[in-house]
Amino acid sequence: MSHDYDLIVIGGGSGGVRAARMAATYGAKVVVVEEFRVGGTCVIRGCVPKKLYVYASRFKDQFETASSFGWQVDASFDWPTLVAAKEKEITRLEHAYTSNLAKPGVEIIKDRAVVTGPNSVRIVGQNRELSGKYILVATGGHPFVPDIPGAELAITSSEAFDLPQLPHSILIEGGGYIAVEFATIFAGLGVNTTIVYRGDRVLRGFDEDMRTGLEAGLIERGIKLIYQTTITSLASSGNDVSASFSNGTTAPYGAVMFATGRTANTMGLGLEAAGVKLTVNGAIMVDAHSQSSVPSIYAVGDVTGRVALTPVAIREGWYFAETLFNDNPMAVDYGLIPTAVFSEPELGVIGLSESEAAMKCDVDVYLARFRPMINTLSHKTERMVLKLITEKEGGMVLGCHILGPGAAEMIQLVAIPMGMNATKADFDRAMALHPSAAEELVTFKAPSYSYRDGVKIGA
């Protein structure tokens, strides 16, 4: 049976673009249908603009530290300038994505797509049907907004980048990486910032020493933390938004932001009618090769509910194309993925946390805390934390956790030896680079403490 296309990709984000480009490179006739802007969450309203805003927010710390090095700085911040510069950069990236699709001959349709069958897609705006041998859903996710009275008065990460002006204060609900990153951004730009979180400490699931260290860093920057509490309702209060809390209190804020997780973009796509099975959370169920319950329909990226990280979506898109269009079946290994939280202090992580490793086997833990060198001439007391977790038998490195300046860059490089099953002895053979924070990773002489049969000893 002939089709209009070998591959119809729904969604022009990182995963969909990589799959489309690779498939076209292998000779497939490909079309990408995207209703918004090519680039997806990461480029348009996610990690790229976020990192740019994090950079902007860090100048406040740099200006404060500068005086201890003899500099006198008189600085002011202009929000519209940052927003305009961000828009210029993401527009450049969008054009680059579009150009990279055009080079191998990928067609782009700017419209909404709905799956109408195992091999058919309806282009809503143009009211026409396309047929494809394969359909790839790469529609990503969107911020979850709690169902409470007045929820429409709040913003999410999607709107935060383009506020008409900075609020005088902001309340952010959530304790994950999005919450702490935006708290860092707003606090660094001079906004009175509060985090409210239902848990007992931010970044649930991360290593406890990293959570504790980050919490201290947030507090040092003036960010207020309210734990074991949620927002129950929002209401207008003049130019402010009044938030009512589960503890019975009420307070006004210049803005309220929900950073309470993300949900797969599957609503209204026609997937269930086409026979595609979804998880209880609404994500597309797929196998190791990203194939759904319908053999001709695949999915990659956040819409699958696997690992919501841009590099993972890109790898999934690449391997999808290899498997279907290059006769080279490949499956993504999710076992060792580096991740970073671009808060202040910054956090970089790969592998198991201390508690996870201790439940798996006998381990040795190497831990260092110290003031980063840039702060030693200033009044800043913030500590950098580096932790290496190794298996007792053989010394394989099971986890590495870094909190402080440059953590993300360091953890990316640590991912290479860990991907090669490096041991503590391998790390020890590396010559230290002095003076640097990273040298601590190769100069640990003895464990700070250990776990034997799950019991902590030697602390």
Protein backbone atom coordinates (compact mmCIF):
# COMPACT_ATOMS: atom_id res chain seq x y z
CA MET A 1 0.00 0.00 0.00
CA SER A 2 1.38 3.39 -0.99
CA HIS A 3 1.32 6.38 1.38
CA ASP A 4 1.84 10.11 1.07
CA TYR A 5 4.85 9.87 3.38
CA ASP A 6 7.14 7.26 4.85
CA LEU A 7 6.99 9.13 8.16
CA ILE A 8 4.60 11.69 9.64
CA VAL A 9 6.03 13.36 12.72
CA ILE A 10 3.58 15.18 15.00
CA GLY A 11 5.55 17.73 17.00
CA GLY A 12 8.55 19.85 16.10
CA GLY A 13 10.50 19.60 19.33
CA SER A 14 13.92 18.11 19.97
CA GLY A 15 12.88 14.45 19.69
CA GLY A 16 10.66 14.87 16.65
CA VAL A 17 13.14 17.04 14.78
CA ARG A 18 16.01 14.61 15.35
CA ALA A 19 13.89 11.64 14.22
CA ALA A 20 12.65 13.47 11.13
CA ARG A 21 16.09 14.70 10.12
CA MET A 22 17.73 11.30 10.57
CA ALA A 23 14.94 9.45 8.76
CA ALA A 24 15.15 11.85 5.82
CA THR A 25 18.93 11.42 5.74
CA TYR A 26 18.30 7.69 5.29
CA GLY A 27 16.06 8.39 2.29
CA ALA A 28 12.61 8.53 3.86
CA LYS A 29 9.96 11.00 2.73
CA VAL A 30 9.15 12.88 5.92
CA VAL A 31 6.76 15.60 7.06
CA VAL A 32 6.72 17.37 10.42
CA VAL A 33 3.44 18.86 11.62
CA GLU A 34 3.86 21.54 14.30
CA GLU A 35 1.10 23.88 15.42
CA PHE A 36 3.27 26.36 17.34
CA ARG A 37 6.98 27.00 16.79
CA VAL A 38 9.68 24.58 15.64
CA GLY A 39 12.04 23.82 18.52
CA GLY A 40 9.55 22.61 21.10
CA THR A 41 9.59 23.18 24.83
CA CYS A 42 13.37 23.14 25.22
CA VAL A 43 14.15 25.83 22.68
CA ILE A 44 11.07 28.03 22.92
CA ARG A 45 9.86 27.91 26.53
CA GLY A 46 12.16 25.55 28.40
CA CYS A 47 15.82 24.84 28.98
CA VAL A 48 17.32 27.38 26.54
CA PRO A 49 15.50 30.51 27.75
CA LYS A 50 15.72 29.21 31.31
CA LYS A 51 19.51 28.92 31.16
CA LEU A 52 19.74 32.41 29.68
CA TYR A 53 17.64 33.77 32.54
CA VAL A 54 19.72 31.84 35.07
CA TYR A 55 22.83 33.53 33.66
CA ALA A 56 21.11 36.90 34.04
CA SER A 57 20.16 36.15 37.65
CA ARG A 58 23.72 35.17 38.61
CA PHE A 59 25.15 38.61 37.92
CA LYS A 60 23.73 39.76 41.26
CA ASP A 61 26.02 37.31 43.10
CA GLN A 62 28.94 38.27 40.89
CA PHE A 63 28.45 41.97 41.55
CA GLU A 64 28.32 41.32 45.30
CA THR A 65 31.51 39.26 45.21
CA ALA A 66 33.30 41.72 42.91
CA SER A 67 33.92 44.22 45.69
CA SER A 68 36.07 41.69 47.58
CA PHE A 69 38.33 41.57 44.53
CA GLY A 70 38.67 45.36 44.40
CA TRP A 71 35.87 46.15 41.92
CA GLN A 72 33.25 48.80 42.56
CA VAL A 73 30.09 48.04 40.63
CA ASP A 74 27.04 50.24 40.17
CA ALA A 75 24.57 48.09 38.26
CA SER A 76 20.89 48.13 37.41
CA PHE A 77 18.68 45.57 35.70
CA ASP A 78 16.18 46.03 32.86
CA TRP A 79 13.69 43.17 32.39
CA PRO A 80 12.46 44.15 28.87
CA THR A 81 16.06 44.06 27.60
CA LEU A 82 16.47 40.47 28.81
CA VAL A 83 13.12 39.36 27.34
CA ALA A 84 13.98 40.91 23.96
CA ALA A 85 17.45 39.34 23.92
CA LYS A 86 15.97 35.95 24.79
CA GLU A 87 13.42 36.23 22.00
CA LYS A 88 16.13 37.08 19.50
CA GLU A 89 18.14 34.00 20.48
CA ILE A 90 15.26 31.49 20.44
CA THR A 91 14.15 32.90 17.07
CA ARG A 92 17.67 32.26 15.76
CA LEU A 93 17.54 28.71 17.09
CA GLU A 94 14.09 28.15 15.60
CA HIS A 95 15.42 29.17 12.19
CA ALA A 96 18.38 26.81 12.66
CA TYR A 97 16.04 23.91 13.47
CA THR A 98 13.92 24.71 10.42
CA SER A 99 16.99 24.94 8.20
CA ASN A 100 18.34 21.62 9.48
CA LEU A 101 15.05 19.96 8.56
CA ALA A 102 14.98 21.53 5.10
CA LYS A 103 18.50 20.36 4.16
CA PRO A 104 17.58 16.63 3.95
CA GLY A 105 14.19 17.49 2.42
CA VAL A 106 11.81 17.33 5.40
CA GLU A 107 8.51 19.11 4.75
CA ILE A 108 7.08 21.28 7.54
CA ILE A 109 3.36 21.95 7.99
CA LYS A 110 2.45 24.64 10.54
CA ASP A 111 -0.89 23.28 11.73
CA ARG A 112 -2.52 20.98 14.25
CA ALA A 113 -2.56 17.24 13.59
CA VAL A 114 -4.98 14.60 14.84
CA VAL A 115 -4.39 10.87 14.43
CA THR A 116 -7.34 9.29 12.62
CA GLY A 117 -6.02 5.78 12.17
CA PRO A 118 -2.93 3.56 12.20
CA ASN A 119 -1.61 5.28 9.08
CA SER A 120 -3.62 8.50 8.79
CA VAL A 121 -3.45 12.01 10.21
CA ARG A 122 -5.89 14.89 9.75
CA ILE A 123 -4.44 18.38 9.32
CA VAL A 124 -7.06 20.37 11.22
CA GLY A 125 -6.62 23.87 9.83
CA GLN A 126 -6.37 22.71 6.23
CA ASN A 127 -9.04 20.02 6.76
CA ARG A 128 -7.17 17.37 4.80
CA GLU A 129 -5.87 13.89 5.45
CA LEU A 130 -2.29 12.63 5.20
CA SER A 131 -1.26 9.00 5.08
CA GLY A 132 2.03 7.65 6.34
CA LYS A 133 3.68 4.28 6.62
CA TYR A 134 4.69 5.30 10.13
CA ILE A 135 3.47 7.98 12.52
CA LEU A 136 5.73 9.37 15.24
CA VAL A 137 4.11 11.31 18.09
CA ALA A 138 6.56 13.77 19.66
CA THR A 139 4.22 16.34 21.15
CA GLY A 140 6.03 16.76 24.48
CA GLY A 141 4.28 17.91 27.63
CA HIS A 142 2.80 20.94 29.34
CA PRO A 143 2.78 22.32 32.90
CA PHE A 144 0.27 20.76 35.28
CA VAL A 145 -2.02 23.29 36.96
CA PRO A 146 -3.82 22.21 40.17
CA ASP A 147 -7.61 22.25 40.05
CA ILE A 148 -8.24 24.92 42.68
CA PRO A 149 -10.40 28.06 42.75
CA GLY A 150 -8.63 30.95 41.03
CA ALA A 151 -6.00 28.77 39.33
CA GLU A 152 -6.33 30.92 36.19
CA LEU A 153 -4.71 33.81 38.09
CA ALA A 154 -1.39 31.96 38.27
CA ILE A 155 1.35 31.58 35.70
CA THR A 156 3.48 28.55 34.76
CA SER A 157 6.95 28.19 33.29
CA SER A 158 5.41 28.73 29.85
CA GLU A 159 4.39 32.32 30.68
CA ALA A 160 7.20 33.23 33.08
CA PHE A 161 9.67 34.13 30.31
CA ASP A 162 7.46 36.81 28.81
CA LEU A 163 5.90 38.66 31.72
CA PRO A 164 5.23 42.31 30.80
CA GLN A 165 7.13 43.33 33.92
CA LEU A 166 8.81 41.73 36.91
CA PRO A 167 6.49 41.33 39.91
CA HIS A 168 7.54 42.81 43.23
CA SER A 169 7.11 39.37 44.78
CA ILE A 170 6.34 35.84 43.62
CA LEU A 171 5.06 32.67 45.22
CA ILE A 172 6.17 29.45 43.50
CA GLU A 173 4.39 26.21 44.34
CA GLY A 174 6.48 23.10 43.85
CA GLY A 175 9.70 21.51 45.05
CA GLY A 176 11.21 20.09 41.88
CA TYR A 177 13.92 21.41 39.61
CA ILE A 178 11.59 23.82 37.78
CA ALA A 179 10.52 25.40 41.07
CA VAL A 180 14.03 25.91 42.44
CA GLU A 181 15.41 27.10 39.10
CA PHE A 182 12.75 29.78 38.74
CA ALA A 183 13.14 30.73 42.39
CA THR A 184 16.82 31.27 41.64
CA ILE A 185 15.98 33.36 38.59
CA PHE A 186 13.42 35.63 40.23
CA ALA A 187 15.39 36.08 43.46
CA GLY A 188 18.53 36.91 41.49
CA LEU A 189 16.63 39.54 39.54
CA GLY A 190 15.51 41.23 42.73
CA VAL A 191 12.06 39.72 43.23
CA ASN A 192 10.99 38.80 46.77
CA THR A 193 10.62 35.03 46.28
CA THR A 194 8.82 32.32 48.25
CA ILE A 195 8.58 28.58 47.58
CA VAL A 196 5.64 26.63 49.01
CA TYR A 197 5.96 22.85 48.83
CA ARG A 198 3.91 19.96 50.16
CA GLY A 199 7.06 17.97 51.06
CA ASP A 200 9.60 18.49 53.81
CA ARG A 201 12.50 19.59 51.59
CA VAL A 202 13.02 20.54 47.93
CA LEU A 203 14.21 18.08 45.25
CA ARG A 204 12.61 14.86 46.46
CA GLY A 205 14.53 11.86 45.13
CA PHE A 206 17.90 13.61 45.01
CA ASP A 207 20.76 12.79 47.38
CA GLU A 208 20.07 14.13 50.89
CA ASP A 209 23.36 16.05 51.20
CA MET A 210 22.60 17.79 47.91
CA ARG A 211 19.07 18.65 49.03
CA THR A 212 20.35 20.06 52.32
CA GLY A 213 23.09 22.06 50.64
CA LEU A 214 20.76 23.50 48.03
CA GLU A 215 18.21 24.42 50.67
CA ALA A 216 20.89 26.37 52.55
CA GLY A 217 21.91 28.12 49.33
CA LEU A 218 18.35 29.16 48.57
CA ILE A 219 17.89 30.53 52.08
CA GLU A 220 21.19 32.45 51.85
CA ARG A 221 19.81 34.16 48.75
CA GLY A 222 16.76 35.33 50.68
CA ILE A 223 14.30 32.80 49.28
CA LYS A 224 11.61 31.92 51.81
CA LEU A 225 10.68 28.23 52.06
CA ILE A 226 7.27 27.05 53.31
CA TYR A 227 7.07 23.26 53.68
CA GLN A 228 4.26 20.74 54.15
CA THR A 229 1.80 23.27 52.79
CA THR A 230 -0.14 23.74 49.55
CA ILE A 231 -2.12 26.52 47.90
CA THR A 232 -5.86 25.90 48.29
CA SER A 233 -7.18 28.90 46.34
CA LEU A 234 -6.19 32.13 44.62
CA ALA A 235 -8.07 35.42 44.39
CA SER A 236 -7.47 38.87 42.95
CA SER A 237 -6.34 41.46 45.49
CA GLY A 238 -5.91 44.80 43.72
CA ASN A 239 -2.87 44.36 41.49
CA ASP A 240 -1.75 41.35 43.52
CA VAL A 241 -2.86 37.73 43.81
CA SER A 242 -3.98 36.57 47.24
CA ALA A 243 -3.02 32.99 48.04
CA SER A 244 -4.84 30.90 50.66
CA PHE A 245 -2.84 28.03 52.12
CA SER A 246 -3.69 24.64 53.58
CA ASN A 247 -2.40 25.83 56.97
CA GLY A 248 -5.22 28.39 57.13
CA THR A 249 -3.17 31.51 56.31
CA THR A 250 -3.57 33.97 53.44
CA ALA A 251 -1.01 36.32 51.88
CA PRO A 252 -0.77 38.59 48.79
CA TYR A 253 1.93 38.24 46.11
CA GLY A 254 2.79 40.12 42.96
CA ALA A 255 2.53 36.84 41.05
CA VAL A 256 1.91 33.16 41.73
CA MET A 257 3.55 30.42 39.70
CA PHE A 258 2.72 26.72 39.57
CA ALA A 259 5.74 24.42 39.14
CA THR A 260 3.83 21.30 40.10
CA GLY A 261 4.95 18.89 37.42
CA ARG A 262 4.22 18.33 33.75
CA THR A 263 1.67 16.28 31.81
CA ALA A 264 2.01 14.56 28.45
CA ASN A 265 0.41 16.33 25.47
CA THR A 266 -1.97 13.57 24.39
CA MET A 267 -5.37 15.20 24.82
CA GLY A 268 -7.23 15.74 21.57
CA LEU A 269 -4.74 13.84 19.42
CA GLY A 270 -7.13 11.00 18.60
CA LEU A 271 -4.73 8.41 19.99
CA GLU A 272 -7.18 6.32 21.97
CA ALA A 273 -9.64 6.20 19.08
CA ALA A 274 -6.77 4.94 16.91
CA GLY A 275 -6.08 2.18 19.44
CA VAL A 276 -3.00 3.65 21.12
CA LYS A 277 -2.80 2.65 24.78
CA LEU A 278 -2.01 5.33 27.36
CA THR A 279 -0.67 5.10 30.90
CA VAL A 280 -2.78 6.11 33.89
CA ASN A 281 -1.08 9.52 33.68
CA GLY A 282 -2.04 9.98 30.03
CA ALA A 283 1.37 9.26 28.49
CA ILE A 284 1.83 6.98 25.49
CA MET A 285 2.85 3.43 26.40
CA VAL A 286 5.83 2.35 24.29
CA ASP A 287 8.33 -0.50 24.19
CA ALA A 288 12.13 -0.34 24.16
CA HIS A 289 12.06 0.77 20.51
CA SER A 290 9.46 3.50 21.14
CA GLN A 291 6.68 1.49 19.45
CA SER A 292 3.16 1.96 20.80
CA SER A 293 0.39 -0.63 21.01
CA VAL A 294 -0.37 0.20 17.37
CA PRO A 295 2.55 -1.23 15.32
CA SER A 296 2.73 1.71 12.88
CA ILE A 297 2.57 4.42 15.59
CA TYR A 298 5.63 5.35 17.65
CA ALA A 299 6.36 8.02 20.26
CA VAL A 300 9.45 9.69 21.70
CA GLY A 301 10.22 12.36 24.27
CA ASP A 302 8.17 13.68 27.17
CA VAL A 303 4.89 12.41 25.69
CA THR A 304 5.97 8.87 26.63
CA GLY A 305 6.41 9.63 30.33
CA ARG A 306 9.83 7.97 30.42
CA VAL A 307 12.59 10.48 31.15
CA ALA A 308 11.64 14.12 30.56
CA LEU A 309 15.03 15.45 29.44
CA THR A 310 15.90 16.98 26.08
CA PRO A 311 19.02 14.85 25.41
CA VAL A 312 16.96 11.73 26.13
CA ALA A 313 14.29 12.79 23.62
CA ILE A 314 17.00 13.46 21.03
CA ARG A 315 18.55 10.03 21.63
CA GLU A 316 15.13 8.37 21.38
CA GLY A 317 14.45 10.16 18.09
CA TRP A 318 17.83 9.15 16.72
CA TYR A 319 17.43 5.49 17.71
CA PHE A 320 13.88 5.42 16.31
CA ALA A 321 15.23 6.51 12.92
CA GLU A 322 18.09 4.01 13.11
CA THR A 323 15.69 1.18 13.89
CA LEU A 324 13.05 1.88 11.23
CA PHE A 325 14.97 3.56 8.41
CA ASN A 326 18.53 2.28 8.69
CA ASP A 327 17.88 -1.38 9.55
CA ASN A 328 19.86 -0.90 12.75
CA PRO A 329 17.69 -1.69 15.80
CA MET A 330 18.78 0.40 18.77
CA ALA A 331 17.28 0.92 22.23
CA VAL A 332 18.12 3.73 24.65
CA ASP A 333 19.84 2.79 27.90
CA TYR A 334 18.18 4.79 30.68
CA GLY A 335 20.46 3.46 33.38
CA LEU A 336 23.07 6.22 33.54
CA ILE A 337 21.75 9.68 32.65
CA PRO A 338 23.48 12.83 33.92
CA THR A 339 21.20 15.63 35.00
CA ALA A 340 21.61 19.16 36.29
CA VAL A 341 19.54 21.60 38.28
CA PHE A 342 20.44 25.14 37.24
CA SER A 343 19.65 26.61 40.62
CA GLU A 344 22.04 28.65 42.70
CA PRO A 345 24.01 26.79 43.90
CA GLU A 346 24.06 24.58 40.83
CA LEU A 347 23.60 20.84 41.11
CA GLY A 348 24.96 18.07 38.87
CA VAL A 349 24.13 14.40 39.37
CA ILE A 350 24.80 11.05 37.75
CA GLY A 351 24.13 7.57 39.06
CA LEU A 352 22.77 6.42 42.40
CA SER A 353 22.16 8.53 45.47
CA GLU A 354 23.71 7.45 48.76
CA SER A 355 20.49 5.84 50.01
CA GLU A 356 19.86 4.05 46.69
CA ALA A 357 23.38 2.65 46.58
CA ALA A 358 23.26 1.51 50.21
CA MET A 359 20.14 -0.54 49.47
CA LYS A 360 21.85 -2.19 46.50
CA CYS A 361 25.20 -3.29 47.95
CA ASP A 362 28.01 -2.46 50.38
CA VAL A 363 29.38 0.97 49.47
CA ASP A 364 32.01 3.53 50.42
CA VAL A 365 31.14 7.21 50.42
CA TYR A 366 33.67 9.98 49.79
CA LEU A 367 32.44 13.43 50.79
CA ALA A 368 34.02 16.90 50.65
CA ARG A 369 32.58 20.23 51.75
CA PHE A 370 34.42 23.52 51.32
CA ARG A 371 33.97 27.14 50.34
CA PRO A 372 34.48 27.56 46.59
CA MET A 373 37.59 29.62 45.94
CA ILE A 374 35.67 32.53 44.42
CA ASN A 375 33.98 33.09 47.79
CA THR A 376 37.07 32.93 49.99
CA LEU A 377 37.76 36.67 49.75
CA SER A 378 34.13 37.58 50.39
CA HIS A 379 31.62 37.30 53.20
CA LYS A 380 29.80 34.42 51.49
CA THR A 381 29.67 31.26 53.58
CA GLU A 382 28.07 28.92 51.04
CA ARG A 383 29.72 25.50 50.87
CA MET A 384 30.46 23.43 47.81
CA VAL A 385 29.67 19.71 48.18
CA LEU A 386 31.19 16.83 46.18
CA LYS A 387 30.25 13.21 46.79
CA LEU A 388 31.56 10.02 45.20
CA ILE A 389 29.80 6.72 45.94
CA THR A 390 31.67 3.50 45.14
CA GLU A 391 30.98 -0.18 45.40
CA LYS A 392 33.02 -1.89 48.13
CA GLU A 393 33.88 -4.90 46.00
CA GLY A 394 35.79 -3.69 42.95
CA GLY A 395 35.34 -0.01 43.68
CA MET A 396 33.03 0.74 40.74
CA VAL A 397 31.75 4.33 40.91
CA LEU A 398 27.99 4.11 41.41
CA GLY A 399 27.16 7.78 41.84
CA CYS A 400 28.63 11.25 41.68
CA HIS A 401 26.92 14.33 43.10
CA ILE A 402 28.24 17.89 42.88
CA LEU A 403 26.73 21.07 44.34
CA GLY A 404 28.33 24.38 43.54
CA PRO A 405 29.82 26.47 40.71
CA GLY A 406 30.31 24.53 37.47
CA ALA A 407 28.52 21.42 38.73
CA ALA A 408 26.73 20.75 35.44
CA GLU A 409 29.90 20.99 33.36
CA MET A 410 31.76 18.69 35.74
CA ILE A 411 29.04 16.06 35.87
CA GLN A 412 28.89 15.83 32.08
CA LEU A 413 32.58 14.89 32.01
CA VAL A 414 32.17 12.46 34.92
CA ALA A 415 29.49 10.71 32.85
CA ILE A 416 32.15 9.54 30.39
CA PRO A 417 34.27 7.39 32.77
CA MET A 418 31.15 6.21 34.60
CA GLY A 419 29.74 5.06 31.27
CA MET A 420 32.91 2.99 30.93
CA ASN A 421 32.33 1.39 34.38
CA ALA A 422 35.19 3.33 35.97
CA THR A 423 36.35 2.43 39.45
CA LYS A 424 37.73 4.53 42.29
CA ALA A 425 41.20 3.37 41.20
CA ASP A 426 40.57 4.79 37.74
CA PHE A 427 39.67 8.14 39.27
CA ASP A 428 42.76 7.98 41.48
CA ARG A 429 45.01 7.54 38.44
CA ALA A 430 43.88 10.89 37.07
CA MET A 431 46.27 13.72 37.91
CA ALA A 432 44.67 16.53 39.86
CA LEU A 433 44.27 19.94 38.23
CA HIS A 434 45.04 22.58 40.84
CA PRO A 435 43.49 24.84 41.89
CA SER A 436 40.05 23.57 40.88
CA ALA A 437 36.99 22.27 42.66
CA ALA A 438 36.90 19.18 40.45
CA GLU A 439 40.30 18.00 41.72
CA GLU A 440 38.51 16.80 44.86
CA LEU A 441 37.04 13.96 42.78
CA VAL A 442 40.48 12.49 42.11
CA THR A 443 42.17 13.20 45.45
CA PHE A 444 39.89 11.38 47.91
CA LYS A 445 42.22 9.21 50.02
CA ALA A 446 39.84 7.31 52.28
CA PRO A 447 36.06 6.92 52.57
CA SER A 448 34.28 9.47 54.73
CA TYR A 449 32.01 6.63 55.82
CA SER A 450 30.61 3.36 54.51
CA TYR A 451 27.54 1.17 54.40
CA ARG A 452 27.69 -2.53 55.23
CA ASP A 453 24.51 -4.56 54.90
CA GLY A 454 22.62 -1.29 54.68
CA VAL A 455 23.99 0.06 57.97
CA LYS A 456 25.99 3.31 58.01
CA ILE A 457 29.34 2.96 59.75
CA GLY A 458 32.36 5.18 60.36
CA ALA A 459 30.55 8.51 60.14
